[in-house]
N, C-alpha and C. Protein backbone atom coordinates (compact mmCIF):
# COMPACT_ATOMS: atom_id res chain seq x y z
N UNK A 1 20.87 -16.28 -3.82
CA UNK A 1 19.61 -16.97 -3.93
C UNK A 1 18.55 -15.84 -3.96
N UNK A 2 17.83 -15.78 -4.97
CA UNK A 2 16.72 -14.81 -5.15
C UNK A 2 15.44 -15.01 -4.18
N UNK A 3 15.22 -16.26 -3.87
CA UNK A 3 14.23 -16.77 -3.04
C UNK A 3 14.15 -15.87 -1.76
N UNK A 4 13.09 -15.32 -1.50
CA UNK A 4 12.79 -14.67 -0.25
C UNK A 4 13.42 -13.23 -0.08
N UNK A 5 14.37 -12.91 -1.12
CA UNK A 5 15.03 -11.65 -1.16
C UNK A 5 14.03 -10.49 -1.21
N UNK A 6 12.83 -10.77 -1.79
CA UNK A 6 11.90 -9.72 -2.04
C UNK A 6 11.40 -9.13 -0.63
N UNK A 7 11.34 -10.11 0.37
CA UNK A 7 11.04 -9.54 1.77
C UNK A 7 12.01 -8.61 2.42
N UNK A 8 13.21 -8.80 1.96
CA UNK A 8 14.25 -7.95 2.49
C UNK A 8 14.10 -6.52 1.76
N UNK A 9 13.76 -6.65 0.38
CA UNK A 9 13.51 -5.37 -0.33
C UNK A 9 12.21 -4.62 0.19
N UNK A 10 11.24 -5.32 0.70
CA UNK A 10 10.13 -4.79 1.28
C UNK A 10 10.44 -3.91 2.48
N UNK A 11 11.23 -4.69 3.36
CA UNK A 11 11.62 -4.00 4.66
C UNK A 11 12.33 -2.72 4.34
N UNK A 12 13.34 -2.81 3.40
CA UNK A 12 14.10 -1.74 3.00
C UNK A 12 13.27 -0.48 2.45
N UNK A 13 12.38 -0.93 1.60
CA UNK A 13 11.49 0.00 1.03
C UNK A 13 10.53 0.83 2.06
N UNK A 14 10.18 0.06 3.04
CA UNK A 14 9.48 0.75 4.14
C UNK A 14 10.27 1.76 4.88
N UNK A 15 11.46 1.30 5.16
CA UNK A 15 12.55 2.21 5.84
C UNK A 15 12.73 3.53 5.09
N UNK A 16 12.99 3.34 3.69
CA UNK A 16 13.07 4.50 2.88
C UNK A 16 11.72 5.48 2.97
N UNK A 17 10.69 4.84 2.83
CA UNK A 17 9.47 5.53 2.81
C UNK A 17 9.23 6.28 4.01
N UNK A 18 9.55 5.72 5.25
CA UNK A 18 9.50 6.50 6.51
C UNK A 18 10.45 7.53 6.56
N UNK A 19 11.62 7.31 5.99
CA UNK A 19 12.60 8.49 5.90
C UNK A 19 12.33 9.49 5.09
N UNK A 20 11.39 9.34 4.16
CA UNK A 20 10.92 10.37 3.35
C UNK A 20 11.57 10.26 1.83
N UNK A 21 12.43 9.28 1.66
CA UNK A 21 13.02 9.05 0.35
C UNK A 21 12.13 8.32 -0.54
N UNK A 22 11.16 9.04 -1.13
CA UNK A 22 10.06 8.39 -1.80
C UNK A 22 10.42 7.67 -3.14
N UNK A 23 11.47 8.31 -3.86
CA UNK A 23 11.94 7.73 -5.16
C UNK A 23 12.60 6.43 -4.82
N UNK A 24 13.54 6.38 -3.75
CA UNK A 24 14.20 5.18 -3.54
C UNK A 24 13.21 3.96 -3.09
N UNK A 25 12.21 4.46 -2.28
CA UNK A 25 11.14 3.53 -1.76
C UNK A 25 10.42 2.87 -2.95
N UNK A 26 10.06 3.82 -3.93
CA UNK A 26 9.23 3.24 -4.95
C UNK A 26 10.04 2.37 -5.90
N UNK A 27 11.32 2.70 -6.25
CA UNK A 27 12.24 1.73 -6.90
C UNK A 27 12.32 0.44 -6.32
N UNK A 28 12.55 0.40 -4.97
CA UNK A 28 12.70 -0.82 -4.21
C UNK A 28 11.39 -1.64 -4.19
N UNK A 29 10.32 -0.90 -4.00
CA UNK A 29 8.92 -1.52 -4.14
C UNK A 29 8.76 -2.27 -5.53
N UNK A 30 9.17 -1.55 -6.54
CA UNK A 30 9.01 -2.11 -7.89
C UNK A 30 9.93 -3.46 -8.01
N UNK A 31 11.07 -3.47 -7.54
CA UNK A 31 12.02 -4.45 -7.51
C UNK A 31 11.41 -5.66 -6.68
N UNK A 32 10.92 -5.13 -5.54
CA UNK A 32 10.36 -6.30 -4.68
C UNK A 32 9.17 -6.97 -5.34
N UNK A 33 8.39 -6.15 -6.05
CA UNK A 33 7.23 -6.79 -6.80
C UNK A 33 7.71 -7.65 -7.77
N UNK A 34 8.74 -7.32 -8.64
CA UNK A 34 9.27 -7.93 -9.67
C UNK A 34 9.75 -9.30 -9.29
N UNK A 35 10.53 -9.28 -8.12
CA UNK A 35 11.10 -10.57 -7.73
C UNK A 35 10.05 -11.48 -7.08
N UNK A 36 9.20 -10.87 -6.35
CA UNK A 36 8.04 -11.79 -5.75
C UNK A 36 7.22 -12.52 -6.88
N UNK A 37 6.93 -11.75 -7.94
CA UNK A 37 6.16 -12.42 -9.13
C UNK A 37 7.02 -13.42 -9.80
N UNK A 38 8.28 -13.00 -9.94
CA UNK A 38 9.24 -13.84 -10.71
C UNK A 38 9.34 -15.37 -9.80
N UNK A 39 9.32 -15.20 -8.53
CA UNK A 39 9.56 -16.54 -7.76
C UNK A 39 8.33 -16.98 -7.12
N UNK A 40 7.12 -16.60 -7.69
CA UNK A 40 5.78 -16.94 -7.21
C UNK A 40 5.71 -16.93 -5.65
N UNK A 41 6.10 -15.69 -5.05
CA UNK A 41 5.95 -15.64 -3.65
C UNK A 41 4.89 -14.62 -3.35
N UNK A 42 3.67 -15.32 -3.08
CA UNK A 42 2.41 -14.47 -2.99
C UNK A 42 2.43 -13.61 -1.76
N UNK A 43 2.99 -14.03 -0.62
CA UNK A 43 2.86 -13.14 0.50
C UNK A 43 3.72 -11.84 0.27
N UNK A 44 4.86 -12.16 -0.40
CA UNK A 44 5.69 -10.92 -0.76
C UNK A 44 5.07 -10.04 -1.78
N UNK A 45 4.38 -10.76 -2.72
CA UNK A 45 3.67 -9.86 -3.76
C UNK A 45 2.72 -9.08 -3.22
N UNK A 46 1.83 -9.64 -2.29
CA UNK A 46 0.71 -8.78 -1.71
C UNK A 46 1.32 -7.57 -0.85
N UNK A 47 2.51 -7.85 -0.11
CA UNK A 47 3.06 -6.87 0.52
C UNK A 47 3.74 -5.79 -0.31
N UNK A 48 4.34 -6.28 -1.40
CA UNK A 48 4.98 -5.43 -2.39
C UNK A 48 3.84 -4.44 -2.99
N UNK A 49 2.76 -5.02 -3.32
CA UNK A 49 1.61 -4.07 -3.83
C UNK A 49 1.29 -3.05 -2.82
N UNK A 50 1.22 -3.34 -1.53
CA UNK A 50 0.89 -2.45 -0.42
C UNK A 50 1.93 -1.30 -0.38
N UNK A 51 3.35 -1.70 -0.50
CA UNK A 51 4.21 -0.75 -0.45
C UNK A 51 4.26 0.28 -1.68
N UNK A 52 3.98 -0.40 -2.79
CA UNK A 52 3.95 0.30 -4.08
C UNK A 52 2.77 1.36 -3.93
N UNK A 53 1.78 0.80 -3.35
CA UNK A 53 0.58 1.82 -3.17
C UNK A 53 0.80 3.02 -2.33
N UNK A 54 1.46 2.59 -1.24
CA UNK A 54 1.83 3.74 -0.30
C UNK A 54 2.80 4.81 -0.80
N UNK A 55 3.82 4.35 -1.55
CA UNK A 55 4.74 5.13 -2.19
C UNK A 55 4.18 5.92 -3.30
N UNK A 56 3.28 5.29 -4.06
CA UNK A 56 2.66 5.99 -5.24
C UNK A 56 1.61 7.14 -4.65
N UNK A 57 0.98 6.92 -3.51
CA UNK A 57 0.09 7.91 -2.97
C UNK A 57 0.83 9.03 -2.42
N UNK A 58 2.08 8.86 -2.10
CA UNK A 58 2.90 10.02 -1.50
C UNK A 58 3.54 10.68 -2.53
N UNK A 59 4.00 10.06 -3.71
CA UNK A 59 4.73 10.65 -4.74
C UNK A 59 3.91 11.30 -5.84
N UNK A 60 2.71 10.71 -6.00
CA UNK A 60 1.82 11.17 -6.97
C UNK A 60 0.37 11.41 -6.43
N UNK A 61 0.24 12.51 -5.59
CA UNK A 61 -1.00 12.62 -4.95
C UNK A 61 -2.27 12.78 -5.81
N UNK A 62 -2.08 13.40 -7.05
CA UNK A 62 -3.17 13.44 -7.95
C UNK A 62 -3.57 12.08 -8.55
N UNK A 63 -2.73 11.21 -8.37
CA UNK A 63 -3.04 9.72 -8.85
C UNK A 63 -3.48 8.84 -7.82
N UNK A 64 -4.37 9.37 -6.93
CA UNK A 64 -4.55 8.46 -5.73
C UNK A 64 -5.35 7.20 -5.99
N UNK A 65 -5.99 7.24 -7.36
CA UNK A 65 -6.72 5.98 -7.75
C UNK A 65 -5.69 4.80 -7.97
N UNK A 66 -4.59 5.29 -8.61
CA UNK A 66 -3.51 4.31 -8.98
C UNK A 66 -2.99 3.66 -7.51
N UNK A 67 -2.80 4.41 -6.57
CA UNK A 67 -2.30 4.21 -5.42
C UNK A 67 -3.24 3.23 -4.74
N UNK A 68 -4.62 3.54 -4.63
CA UNK A 68 -5.60 2.77 -4.15
C UNK A 68 -5.72 1.41 -4.88
N UNK A 69 -5.60 1.34 -6.22
CA UNK A 69 -5.59 0.16 -6.90
C UNK A 69 -4.39 -0.91 -6.55
N UNK A 70 -3.40 -0.33 -6.19
CA UNK A 70 -2.12 -1.16 -5.83
C UNK A 70 -2.53 -1.75 -4.46
N UNK A 71 -2.96 -0.94 -3.55
CA UNK A 71 -3.36 -1.41 -2.24
C UNK A 71 -4.34 -2.58 -2.38
N UNK A 72 -5.40 -2.25 -3.15
CA UNK A 72 -6.53 -3.24 -3.25
C UNK A 72 -6.04 -4.37 -3.85
N UNK A 73 -5.08 -4.40 -4.83
CA UNK A 73 -4.57 -5.70 -5.37
C UNK A 73 -3.60 -6.45 -4.31
N UNK A 74 -3.02 -5.75 -3.51
CA UNK A 74 -2.23 -6.43 -2.41
C UNK A 74 -3.32 -7.01 -1.49
N UNK A 75 -4.44 -6.38 -1.13
CA UNK A 75 -5.42 -6.95 -0.30
C UNK A 75 -6.11 -8.35 -0.93
N UNK A 76 -6.22 -8.28 -2.18
CA UNK A 76 -6.80 -9.45 -2.86
C UNK A 76 -5.90 -10.72 -2.73
N UNK A 77 -4.62 -10.38 -2.88
CA UNK A 77 -3.70 -11.56 -2.62
C UNK A 77 -3.51 -11.96 -1.30
N UNK A 78 -3.45 -11.11 -0.36
CA UNK A 78 -3.43 -11.41 1.08
C UNK A 78 -4.83 -12.15 1.52
N UNK A 79 -5.86 -11.81 0.97
CA UNK A 79 -7.18 -12.38 1.30
C UNK A 79 -7.14 -13.87 0.68
N UNK A 80 -6.59 -14.06 -0.39
CA UNK A 80 -6.52 -15.52 -0.97
C UNK A 80 -5.58 -16.24 -0.07
N UNK A 81 -4.60 -15.75 0.56
CA UNK A 81 -3.77 -16.43 1.46
C UNK A 81 -4.34 -16.59 2.93
N UNK A 82 -5.69 -16.08 3.15
CA UNK A 82 -6.25 -16.14 4.34
C UNK A 82 -5.46 -15.22 5.35
N UNK A 83 -4.74 -14.25 4.93
CA UNK A 83 -4.04 -13.43 5.86
C UNK A 83 -4.68 -12.09 6.09
N UNK A 84 -5.77 -11.77 5.40
CA UNK A 84 -6.51 -10.51 5.65
C UNK A 84 -7.96 -10.94 5.47
N UNK A 85 -8.63 -10.23 6.52
CA UNK A 85 -10.10 -10.54 6.64
C UNK A 85 -10.66 -9.19 6.69
N UNK A 86 -11.27 -8.77 5.56
CA UNK A 86 -11.95 -7.50 5.37
C UNK A 86 -13.43 -7.69 5.09
């Protein structure tokens, strides 16, 4: 069942990010984003954007605007769900 599997991907992606395996973390973040969008899972989509932004910022430091854009996109989704107040 694909439903909610994106959350498992997000957790696994954060583990790889913390361990320094940036390539694996980014691949997992992209898959989590794909699954969350496919299954209309807004919470997972917002969290996936955050993870993708964090991995992008660490793997492509010269493209910090891209990383920031991903994080801001995640913030927008979480605000819509009333899960983030900024």
